[in-house]
PDB file of N, CA and C in Angstrom:
ATOM      1  N   MET A   1      15.218  22.349  -9.642  1.00  0.00           N
ATOM      2  CA  MET A   1      14.670  21.009  -9.892  1.00  0.00           C
ATOM      3  C   MET A   1      13.729  21.161 -11.067  1.00  0.00           C
ATOM      4  N   PRO A   2      13.835  20.217 -12.132  1.00  0.00           N
ATOM      5  CA  PRO A   2      12.890  20.367 -13.233  1.00  0.00           C
ATOM      6  C   PRO A   2      11.481  19.865 -12.802  1.00  0.00           C
ATOM      7  N   VAL A   3      10.445  20.334 -13.446  1.00  0.00           N
ATOM      8  CA  VAL A   3       9.066  19.877 -13.092  1.00  0.00           C
ATOM      9  C   VAL A   3       8.621  19.255 -14.403  1.00  0.00           C
ATOM     10  N   VAL A   4       7.926  18.193 -14.220  1.00  0.00           N
ATOM     11  CA  VAL A   4       7.266  17.405 -15.284  1.00  0.00           C
ATOM     12  C   VAL A   4       5.875  17.310 -15.240  1.00  0.00           C
ATOM     13  N   SER A   5       5.153  17.649 -16.235  1.00  0.00           N
ATOM     14  CA  SER A   5       3.749  17.545 -16.262  1.00  0.00           C
ATOM     15  C   SER A   5       3.442  16.351 -17.123  1.00  0.00           C
ATOM     16  N   ILE A   6       2.462  15.544 -16.538  1.00  0.00           N
ATOM     17  CA  ILE A   6       2.026  14.242 -17.257  1.00  0.00           C
ATOM     18  C   ILE A   6       0.454  14.282 -17.244  1.00  0.00           C
ATOM     19  N   ARG A   7      -0.066  14.004 -18.358  1.00  0.00           N
ATOM     20  CA  ARG A   7      -1.503  13.784 -18.525  1.00  0.00           C
ATOM     21  C   ARG A   7      -1.853  12.340 -18.392  1.00  0.00           C
ATOM     22  N   MET A   8      -2.916  12.182 -17.441  1.00  0.00           N
ATOM     23  CA  MET A   8      -3.386  10.809 -17.315  1.00  0.00           C
ATOM     24  C   MET A   8      -4.882  10.809 -17.171  1.00  0.00           C
ATOM     25  N   ASP A   9      -5.525   9.655 -17.236  1.00  0.00           N
ATOM     26  CA  ASP A   9      -6.871   9.716 -17.164  1.00  0.00           C
ATOM     27  C   ASP A   9      -7.236   9.774 -15.537  1.00  0.00           C
ATOM     28  N   GLU A  10      -8.523  10.119 -15.332  1.00  0.00           N
ATOM     29  CA  GLU A  10      -8.946  10.445 -13.966  1.00  0.00           C
ATOM     30  C   GLU A  10      -8.803   9.142 -13.068  1.00  0.00           C
ATOM     31  N   GLU A  11      -9.152   8.082 -13.578  1.00  0.00           N
ATOM     32  CA  GLU A  11      -9.037   6.844 -12.697  1.00  0.00           C
ATOM     33  C   GLU A  11      -7.666   6.535 -12.317  1.00  0.00           C
ATOM     34  N   LEU A  12      -6.800   6.609 -13.144  1.00  0.00           N
ATOM     35  CA  LEU A  12      -5.295   6.437 -12.961  1.00  0.00           C
ATOM     36  C   LEU A  12      -4.872   7.335 -11.950  1.00  0.00           C
ATOM     37  N   HIS A  13      -5.242   8.601 -12.075  1.00  0.00           N
ATOM     38  CA  HIS A  13      -4.746   9.701 -11.121  1.00  0.00           C
ATOM     39  C   HIS A  13      -5.310   9.401  -9.797  1.00  0.00           C
ATOM     40  N   ARG A  14      -6.606   9.016  -9.712  1.00  0.00           N
ATOM     41  CA  ARG A  14      -7.356   8.640  -8.421  1.00  0.00           C
ATOM     42  C   ARG A  14      -6.558   7.416  -7.684  1.00  0.00           C
ATOM     43  N   LYS A  15      -6.262   6.465  -8.531  1.00  0.00           N
ATOM     44  CA  LYS A  15      -5.494   5.231  -7.958  1.00  0.00           C
ATOM     45  C   LYS A  15      -4.185   5.635  -7.425  1.00  0.00           C
ATOM     46  N   LEU A  16      -3.470   6.476  -8.167  1.00  0.00           N
ATOM     47  CA  LEU A  16      -2.103   6.886  -7.768  1.00  0.00           C
ATOM     48  C   LEU A  16      -2.152   7.800  -6.557  1.00  0.00           C
ATOM     49  N   ARG A  17      -3.099   8.691  -6.448  1.00  0.00           N
ATOM     50  CA  ARG A  17      -3.300   9.404  -5.276  1.00  0.00           C
ATOM     51  C   ARG A  17      -3.571   8.662  -3.996  1.00  0.00           C
ATOM     52  N   LEU A  18      -4.441   7.634  -4.218  1.00  0.00           N
ATOM     53  CA  LEU A  18      -4.784   6.674  -3.109  1.00  0.00           C
ATOM     54  C   LEU A  18      -3.490   5.956  -2.541  1.00  0.00           C
ATOM     55  N   ARG A  19      -2.752   5.415  -3.510  1.00  0.00           N
ATOM     56  CA  ARG A  19      -1.545   4.784  -3.123  1.00  0.00           C
ATOM     57  C   ARG A  19      -0.589   5.558  -2.527  1.00  0.00           C
ATOM     58  N   ALA A  20      -0.360   6.859  -2.947  1.00  0.00           N
ATOM     59  CA  ALA A  20       0.468   7.762  -2.384  1.00  0.00           C
ATOM     60  C   ALA A  20       0.014   8.156  -0.892  1.00  0.00           C
ATOM     61  N   TYR A  21      -1.328   8.350  -0.775  1.00  0.00           N
ATOM     62  CA  TYR A  21      -1.875   8.604   0.523  1.00  0.00           C
ATOM     63  C   TYR A  21      -1.675   7.486   1.478  1.00  0.00           C
ATOM     64  N   GLY A  22      -1.835   6.205   1.013  1.00  0.00           N
ATOM     65  CA  GLY A  22      -1.582   5.111   1.784  1.00  0.00           C
ATOM     66  C   GLY A  22      -0.067   4.879   2.273  1.00  0.00           C
ATOM     67  N   ALA A  23       0.797   5.503   1.504  1.00  0.00           N
ATOM     68  CA  ALA A  23       2.175   5.412   1.852  1.00  0.00           C
ATOM     69  C   ALA A  23       2.737   6.671   2.669  1.00  0.00           C
ATOM     70  N   ASN A  24       1.683   7.567   2.899  1.00  0.00           N
ATOM     71  CA  ASN A  24       1.973   8.778   3.578  1.00  0.00           C
ATOM     72  C   ASN A  24       2.951   9.734   2.805  1.00  0.00           C
ATOM     73  N   LEU A  25       2.811   9.722   1.475  1.00  0.00           N
ATOM     74  CA  LEU A  25       3.781  10.533   0.686  1.00  0.00           C
ATOM     75  C   LEU A  25       2.933  11.379  -0.117  1.00  0.00           C
ATOM     76  N   SER A  26       3.526  12.526  -0.701  1.00  0.00           N
ATOM     77  CA  SER A  26       2.885  13.271  -1.771  1.00  0.00           C
ATOM     78  C   SER A  26       2.877  12.427  -3.037  1.00  0.00           C
ATOM     79  N   LEU A  27       2.193  12.799  -3.999  1.00  0.00           N
ATOM     80  CA  LEU A  27       1.990  12.166  -5.281  1.00  0.00           C
ATOM     81  C   LEU A  27       3.505  12.164  -5.933  1.00  0.00           C
ATOM     82  N   SER A  28       4.135  13.366  -5.841  1.00  0.00           N
ATOM     83  CA  SER A  28       5.401  13.536  -6.393  1.00  0.00           C
ATOM     84  C   SER A  28       6.387  12.621  -5.834  1.00  0.00           C
ATOM     85  N   LYS A  29       6.540  12.563  -4.531  1.00  0.00           N
ATOM     86  CA  LYS A  29       7.530  11.774  -3.791  1.00  0.00           C
ATOM     87  C   LYS A  29       7.111  10.213  -4.072  1.00  0.00           C
ATOM     88  N   PHE A  30       5.949   9.819  -4.307  1.00  0.00           N
ATOM     89  CA  PHE A  30       5.460   8.419  -4.432  1.00  0.00           C
ATOM     90  C   PHE A  30       5.927   8.062  -5.855  1.00  0.00           C
ATOM     91  N   LEU A  31       5.864   8.941  -6.807  1.00  0.00           N
ATOM     92  CA  LEU A  31       6.162   8.615  -8.179  1.00  0.00           C
ATOM     93  C   LEU A  31       7.728   8.652  -8.535  1.00  0.00           C
ATOM     94  N   GLN A  32       8.542   9.398  -7.692  1.00  0.00           N
ATOM     95  CA  GLN A  32       9.817   9.472  -7.952  1.00  0.00           C
ATOM     96  C   GLN A  32      10.641   8.182  -8.087  1.00  0.00           C
ATOM     97  N   PRO A  33      10.406   7.237  -7.138  1.00  0.00           N
ATOM     98  CA  PRO A  33      11.047   5.991  -7.320  1.00  0.00           C
ATOM     99  C   PRO A  33      10.668   5.244  -8.519  1.00  0.00           C
ATOM    100  N   VAL A  34       9.411   5.290  -8.894  1.00  0.00           N
ATOM    101  CA  VAL A  34       8.942   4.603 -10.123  1.00  0.00           C
ATOM    102  C   VAL A  34       9.687   5.166 -11.343  1.00  0.00           C
ATOM    103  N   LEU A  35       9.785   6.558 -11.343  1.00  0.00           N
ATOM    104  CA  LEU A  35      10.390   7.134 -12.497  1.00  0.00           C
ATOM    105  C   LEU A  35      11.834   6.803 -12.591  1.00  0.00           C
ATOM    106  N   ASP A  36      12.534   6.784 -11.343  1.00  0.00           N
ATOM    107  CA  ASP A  36      13.897   6.392 -11.254  1.00  0.00           C
ATOM    108  C   ASP A  36      14.145   4.965 -11.861  1.00  0.00           C
ATOM    109  N   GLU A  37      13.182   3.963 -11.412  1.00  0.00           N
ATOM    110  CA  GLU A  37      13.287   2.646 -11.842  1.00  0.00           C
ATOM    111  C   GLU A  37      13.163   2.631 -13.394  1.00  0.00           C
ATOM    112  N   ALA A  38      12.258   3.443 -13.940  1.00  0.00           N
ATOM    113  CA  ALA A  38      12.069   3.380 -15.392  1.00  0.00           C
ATOM    114  C   ALA A  38      13.284   3.925 -16.131  1.00  0.00           C
ATOM    115  N   ALA A  39      14.127   4.862 -15.509  1.00  0.00           N
ATOM    116  CA  ALA A  39      15.281   5.423 -16.118  1.00  0.00           C
ATOM    117  C   ALA A  39      16.604   4.551 -15.926  1.00  0.00           C
ATOM    118  N   THR A  40      16.435   3.486 -15.084  1.00  0.00           N
ATOM    119  CA  THR A  40      17.546   2.746 -14.720  1.00  0.00           C
ATOM    120  C   THR A  40      17.434   1.282 -15.049  1.00  0.00           C
ATOM    121  N   PRO A  41      17.818   0.773 -16.231  1.00  0.00           N
ATOM    122  CA  PRO A  41      17.555  -0.536 -16.733  1.00  0.00           C
ATOM    123  C   PRO A  41      18.168  -1.583 -15.739  1.00  0.00           C
ATOM    124  N   GLY A  42      17.476  -2.631 -15.584  1.00  0.00           N
ATOM    125  CA  GLY A  42      18.171  -3.713 -14.713  1.00  0.00           C
ATOM    126  C   GLY A  42      18.163  -3.496 -13.230  1.00  0.00           C
ATOM    127  N   SER A  43      17.606  -2.340 -12.676  1.00  0.00           N
ATOM    128  CA  SER A  43      17.588  -2.103 -11.266  1.00  0.00           C
ATOM    129  C   SER A  43      16.418  -2.823 -10.619  1.00  0.00           C
ATOM    130  N   LYS A  44      16.580  -2.906  -9.372  1.00  0.00           N
ATOM    131  CA  LYS A  44      15.546  -3.720  -8.517  1.00  0.00           C
ATOM    132  C   LYS A  44      14.279  -2.900  -8.509  1.00  0.00           C
ATOM    133  N   TYR A  45      13.182  -3.629  -7.998  1.00  0.00           N
ATOM    134  CA  TYR A  45      11.865  -3.112  -7.878  1.00  0.00           C
ATOM    135  C   TYR A  45      11.917  -1.783  -7.040  1.00  0.00           C
ATOM    136  N   PRO A  46      11.247  -0.720  -7.451  1.00  0.00           N
ATOM    137  CA  PRO A  46      11.312   0.516  -6.511  1.00  0.00           C
ATOM    138  C   PRO A  46      10.289   0.284  -5.542  1.00  0.00           C
ATOM    139  N   PHE A  47      10.566   0.668  -4.280  1.00  0.00           N
ATOM    140  CA  PHE A  47       9.673   0.676  -3.169  1.00  0.00           C
ATOM    141  C   PHE A  47      10.086   1.747  -2.168  1.00  0.00           C
ATOM    142  N   SER A  48       9.211   2.158  -1.350  1.00  0.00           N
ATOM    143  CA  SER A  48       9.392   3.133  -0.369  1.00  0.00           C
ATOM    144  C   SER A  48       9.698   2.362   0.978  1.00  0.00           C
ATOM    145  N   SER A  49      10.409   3.100   1.905  1.00  0.00           N
ATOM    146  CA  SER A  49      10.588   2.459   3.217  1.00  0.00           C
ATOM    147  C   SER A  49       9.326   2.002   3.873  1.00  0.00           C
ATOM    148  N   ASN A  50       8.195   2.636   3.472  1.00  0.00           N
ATOM    149  CA  ASN A  50       6.858   2.263   4.044  1.00  0.00           C
ATOM    150  C   ASN A  50       6.588   0.945   3.656  1.00  0.00           C
ATOM    151  N   ASP A  51       7.107   0.367   2.527  1.00  0.00           N
ATOM    152  CA  ASP A  51       6.795  -1.152   2.113  1.00  0.00           C
ATOM    153  C   ASP A  51       7.386  -2.001   3.178  1.00  0.00           C
ATOM    154  N   GLU A  52       8.658  -1.642   3.714  1.00  0.00           N
ATOM    155  CA  GLU A  52       9.280  -2.453   4.635  1.00  0.00           C
ATOM    156  C   GLU A  52       8.362  -2.455   5.938  1.00  0.00           C
ATOM    157  N   ILE A  53       7.987  -1.253   6.282  1.00  0.00           N
ATOM    158  CA  ILE A  53       7.207  -1.071   7.500  1.00  0.00           C
ATOM    159  C   ILE A  53       5.963  -1.950   7.319  1.00  0.00           C
ATOM    160  N   LEU A  54       5.228  -1.888   6.208  1.00  0.00           N
ATOM    161  CA  LEU A  54       4.031  -2.657   5.935  1.00  0.00           C
ATOM    162  C   LEU A  54       4.333  -4.072   6.018  1.00  0.00           C
ATOM    163  N   ALA A  55       5.382  -4.556   5.524  1.00  0.00           N
ATOM    164  CA  ALA A  55       5.848  -5.916   5.600  1.00  0.00           C
ATOM    165  C   ALA A  55       5.957  -6.437   6.994  1.00  0.00           C
ATOM    166  N   ILE A  56       6.525  -5.638   7.917  1.00  0.00           N
ATOM    167  CA  ILE A  56       6.639  -5.913   9.350  1.00  0.00           C
ATOM    168  C   ILE A  56       5.231  -5.901  10.047  1.00  0.00           C
ATOM    169  N   ALA A  57       4.380  -5.072   9.581  1.00  0.00           N
ATOM    170  CA  ALA A  57       3.023  -4.918  10.149  1.00  0.00           C
ATOM    171  C   ALA A  57       2.248  -6.202   9.765  1.00  0.00           C
ATOM    172  N   ILE A  58       2.421  -6.678   8.591  1.00  0.00           N
ATOM    173  CA  ILE A  58       1.693  -7.806   8.113  1.00  0.00           C
ATOM    174  C   ILE A  58       2.145  -9.052   8.874  1.00  0.00           C
ATOM    175  N   GLN A  59       3.387  -9.098   9.141  1.00  0.00           N
ATOM    176  CA  GLN A  59       3.895 -10.255  10.055  1.00  0.00           C
ATOM    177  C   GLN A  59       3.439 -10.198  11.362  1.00  0.00           C
ATOM    178  N   ILE A  60       3.382  -9.048  11.984  1.00  0.00           N
ATOM    179  CA  ILE A  60       2.799  -8.879  13.501  1.00  0.00           C
ATOM    180  C   ILE A  60       1.379  -9.161  13.272  1.00  0.00           C
ATOM    181  N   PHE A  61       0.708  -8.745  12.311  1.00  0.00           N
ATOM    182  CA  PHE A  61      -0.761  -9.079  12.213  1.00  0.00           C
ATOM    183  C   PHE A  61      -0.899 -10.602  12.196  1.00  0.00           C
ATOM    184  N   ALA A  62      -0.187 -11.295  11.425  1.00  0.00           N
ATOM    185  CA  ALA A  62      -0.294 -12.740  11.322  1.00  0.00           C
ATOM    186  C   ALA A  62       0.016 -13.490  12.649  1.00  0.00           C
ATOM    187  N   LEU A  63       1.044 -12.969  13.353  1.00  0.00           N
ATOM    188  CA  LEU A  63       1.241 -13.563  14.804  1.00  0.00           C
ATOM    189  C   LEU A  63       0.125 -13.252  15.736  1.00  0.00           C
ATOM    190  N   LEU A  64      -0.327 -11.968  15.668  1.00  0.00           N
ATOM    191  CA  LEU A  64      -1.571 -11.692  16.592  1.00  0.00           C
ATOM    192  C   LEU A  64      -2.723 -12.456  16.241  1.00  0.00           C
ATOM    193  N   SER A  65      -2.964 -12.665  14.938  1.00  0.00           N
ATOM    194  CA  SER A  65      -4.075 -13.514  14.510  1.00  0.00           C
ATOM    195  C   SER A  65      -4.041 -14.896  15.007  1.00  0.00           C
ATOM    196  N   GLU A  66      -2.868 -15.518  14.915  1.00  0.00           N
ATOM    197  CA  GLU A  66      -2.642 -16.853  15.478  1.00  0.00           C
ATOM    198  C   GLU A  66      -3.034 -16.793  16.923  1.00  0.00           C
ATOM    199  N   ALA A  67      -2.529 -15.899  17.784  1.00  0.00           N
ATOM    200  CA  ALA A  67      -2.624 -15.898  19.114  1.00  0.00           C
ATOM    201  C   ALA A  67      -4.237 -15.671  19.446  1.00  0.00           C
ATOM    202  N   ALA A  68      -4.783 -14.779  18.697  1.00  0.00           N
ATOM    203  CA  ALA A  68      -6.246 -14.415  18.936  1.00  0.00           C
ATOM    204  C   ALA A  68      -7.023 -15.654  18.587  1.00  0.00           C
ATOM    205  N   LEU A  69      -6.698 -16.465  17.664  1.00  0.00           N
ATOM    206  CA  LEU A  69      -7.384 -17.677  17.182  1.00  0.00           C
ATOM    207  C   LEU A  69      -7.570 -18.732  18.370  1.00  0.00           C
ATOM    208  N   HIS A  70      -6.410 -18.742  19.175  1.00  0.00           N
ATOM    209  CA  HIS A  70      -6.403 -19.638  20.324  1.00  0.00           C
ATOM    210  C   HIS A  70      -7.273 -19.107  21.385  1.00  0.00           C
ATOM    211  N   LEU A  71      -7.461 -17.773  21.469  1.00  0.00           N
ATOM    212  CA  LEU A  71      -8.416 -17.268  22.597  1.00  0.00           C
ATOM    213  C   LEU A  71      -9.826 -17.398  22.228  1.00  0.00           C
ATOM    214  N   SER A  72     -10.101 -17.013  20.923  1.00  0.00           N
ATOM    215  CA  SER A  72     -11.467 -16.955  20.444  1.00  0.00           C
ATOM    216  C   SER A  72     -11.578 -17.197  18.861  1.00  0.00           C
ATOM    217  N   PRO A  73     -12.064 -18.247  18.437  1.00  0.00           N
ATOM    218  CA  PRO A  73     -12.213 -18.534  16.986  1.00  0.00           C
ATOM    219  C   PRO A  73     -12.787 -17.360  16.192  1.00  0.00           C
ATOM    220  N   ASP A  74     -13.701 -16.605  16.826  1.00  0.00           N
ATOM    221  CA  ASP A  74     -14.482 -15.533  16.157  1.00  0.00           C
ATOM    222  C   ASP A  74     -13.563 -14.049  16.025  1.00  0.00           C
ATOM    223  N   LEU A  75     -12.605 -13.988  16.974  1.00  0.00           N
ATOM    224  CA  LEU A  75     -11.877 -12.797  17.024  1.00  0.00           C
ATOM    225  C   LEU A  75     -11.001 -12.424  15.686  1.00  0.00           C
ATOM    226  N   PRO A  76     -10.333 -13.383  15.144  1.00  0.00           N
ATOM    227  CA  PRO A  76      -9.533 -13.121  13.965  1.00  0.00           C
ATOM    228  C   PRO A  76     -10.420 -12.676  12.737  1.00  0.00           C
ATOM    229  N   HIS A  77     -11.587 -13.246  12.628  1.00  0.00           N
ATOM    230  CA  HIS A  77     -12.543 -12.855  11.562  1.00  0.00           C
ATOM    231  C   HIS A  77     -12.959 -11.443  11.597  1.00  0.00           C
ATOM    232  N   LYS A  78     -13.269 -11.041  12.899  1.00  0.00           N
ATOM    233  CA  LYS A  78     -13.658  -9.632  13.185  1.00  0.00           C
ATOM    234  C   LYS A  78     -12.461  -8.703  12.779  1.00  0.00           C
ATOM    235  N   ALA A  79     -11.308  -9.142  13.200  1.00  0.00           N
ATOM    236  CA  ALA A  79     -10.132  -8.246  12.974  1.00  0.00           C
ATOM    237  C   ALA A  79      -9.855  -8.159  11.364  1.00  0.00           C
ATOM    238  N   ILE A  80      -9.972  -9.225  10.793  1.00  0.00           N
ATOM    239  CA  ILE A  80      -9.736  -9.154   9.224  1.00  0.00           C
ATOM    240  C   ILE A  80     -10.724  -8.364   8.661  1.00  0.00           C
ATOM    241  N   GLY A  81     -11.937  -8.279   9.053  1.00  0.00           N
ATOM    242  CA  GLY A  81     -13.048  -7.503   8.480  1.00  0.00           C
ATOM    243  C   GLY A  81     -12.658  -6.028   8.681  1.00  0.00           C
ATOM    244  N   ARG A  82     -12.156  -5.640   9.951  1.00  0.00           N
ATOM    245  CA  ARG A  82     -11.815  -4.229  10.215  1.00  0.00           C
ATOM    246  C   ARG A  82     -10.631  -3.867   9.417  1.00  0.00           C
ATOM    247  N   ALA A  83      -9.661  -4.801   9.314  1.00  0.00           N
ATOM    248  CA  ALA A  83      -8.373  -4.465   8.530  1.00  0.00           C
ATOM    249  C   ALA A  83      -8.747  -4.218   7.038  1.00  0.00           C
ATOM    250  N   ARG A  84      -9.752  -4.946   6.522  1.00  0.00           N
ATOM    251  CA  ARG A  84     -10.095  -4.706   5.112  1.00  0.00           C
ATOM    252  C   ARG A  84     -10.725  -3.378   4.903  1.00  0.00           C
ATOM    253  N   VAL A  85     -11.487  -2.858   5.831  1.00  0.00           N
ATOM    254  CA  VAL A  85     -12.075  -1.496   5.732  1.00  0.00           C
ATOM    255  C   VAL A  85     -10.962  -0.497   5.805  1.00  0.00           C
ATOM    256  N   LEU A  86      -9.968  -0.579   6.736  1.00  0.00           N
ATOM    257  CA  LEU A  86      -8.937   0.337   6.791  1.00  0.00           C
ATOM    258  C   LEU A  86      -7.952   0.246   5.431  1.00  0.00           C
ATOM    259  N   LEU A  87      -7.708  -0.894   4.999  1.00  0.00           N
ATOM    260  CA  LEU A  87      -7.018  -0.965   3.747  1.00  0.00           C
ATOM    261  C   LEU A  87      -7.716  -0.428   2.622  1.00  0.00           C
ATOM    262  N   ALA A  88      -8.951  -0.649   2.536  1.00  0.00           N
ATOM    263  CA  ALA A  88      -9.809  -0.021   1.418  1.00  0.00           C
ATOM    264  C   ALA A  88      -9.772   1.451   1.410  1.00  0.00           C
ATOM    265  N   GLU A  89      -9.836   1.949   2.682  1.00  0.00           N
ATOM    266  CA  GLU A  89      -9.908   3.397   2.851  1.00  0.00           C
ATOM    267  C   GLU A  89      -8.646   4.069   2.255  1.00  0.00           C
ATOM    268  N   ARG A  90      -7.453   3.327   2.311  1.00  0.00           N
ATOM    269  CA  ARG A  90      -6.204   3.864   1.953  1.00  0.00           C
ATOM    270  C   ARG A  90      -5.820   3.504   0.505  1.00  0.00           C
ATOM    271  N   GLY A  91      -6.701   2.769  -0.199  1.00  0.00           N
ATOM    272  CA  GLY A  91      -6.433   2.253  -1.503  1.00  0.00           C
ATOM    273  C   GLY A  91      -5.492   1.098  -1.607  1.00  0.00           C
ATOM    274  N   LEU A  92      -5.304   0.337  -0.552  1.00  0.00           N
ATOM    275  CA  LEU A  92      -4.486  -0.740  -0.488  1.00  0.00           C
ATOM    276  C   LEU A  92      -4.974  -2.032  -0.928  1.00  0.00           C
ATOM    277  N   LEU A  93      -6.269  -2.117  -1.305  1.00  0.00           N
ATOM    278  CA  LEU A  93      -6.951  -3.336  -1.617  1.00  0.00           C
ATOM    279  C   LEU A  93      -7.137  -3.287  -3.287  1.00  0.00           C
ATOM    280  N   GLY A  94      -6.863  -4.339  -3.976  1.00  0.00           N
ATOM    281  CA  GLY A  94      -7.142  -4.294  -5.427  1.00  0.00           C
ATOM    282  C   GLY A  94      -8.533  -4.482  -5.632  1.00  0.00           C
ATOM    283  N   GLU A  95      -8.933  -4.189  -6.940  1.00  0.00           N
ATOM    284  CA  GLU A  95     -10.381  -4.221  -7.362  1.00  0.00           C
ATOM    285  C   GLU A  95     -10.974  -5.566  -7.010  1.00  0.00           C
ATOM    286  N   ASN A  96     -10.258  -6.541  -7.151  1.00  0.00           N
ATOM    287  CA  ASN A  96     -10.769  -7.955  -6.927  1.00  0.00           C
ATOM    288  C   ASN A  96     -10.946  -8.368  -5.498  1.00  0.00           C
ATOM    289  N   ASP A  97     -10.180  -7.430  -4.603  1.00  0.00           N
ATOM    290  CA  ASP A  97     -10.331  -7.772  -3.196  1.00  0.00           C
ATOM    291  C   ASP A  97     -11.411  -6.987  -2.445  1.00  0.00           C
ATOM    292  N   ARG A  98     -12.043  -6.289  -3.091  1.00  0.00           N
ATOM    293  CA  ARG A  98     -13.110  -5.392  -2.506  1.00  0.00           C
ATOM    294  C   ARG A  98     -14.506  -6.036  -2.397  1.00  0.00           C
TER     295      ARG A  98
END
């Protein structure tokens, strides 16, 4: 299998590594779908199967938040705060969301 070396600035490298870590993938595995997308004009958005899992987790989180809101108005706010910490640790929050 060919090996490609790419030079990039430190900040971009840091962001890509955080996103790969958040998807539980090596940087190489994380970038392969993106490169495939760049090589295939007109194809759909590249995503990993972890994106589908994340979408399901978000839906579950929304349902649990609604249920918790009925039990205690304070509980969802605490849960959202904790979720933001976990998302930030994995590089899944944008700069404006921090």
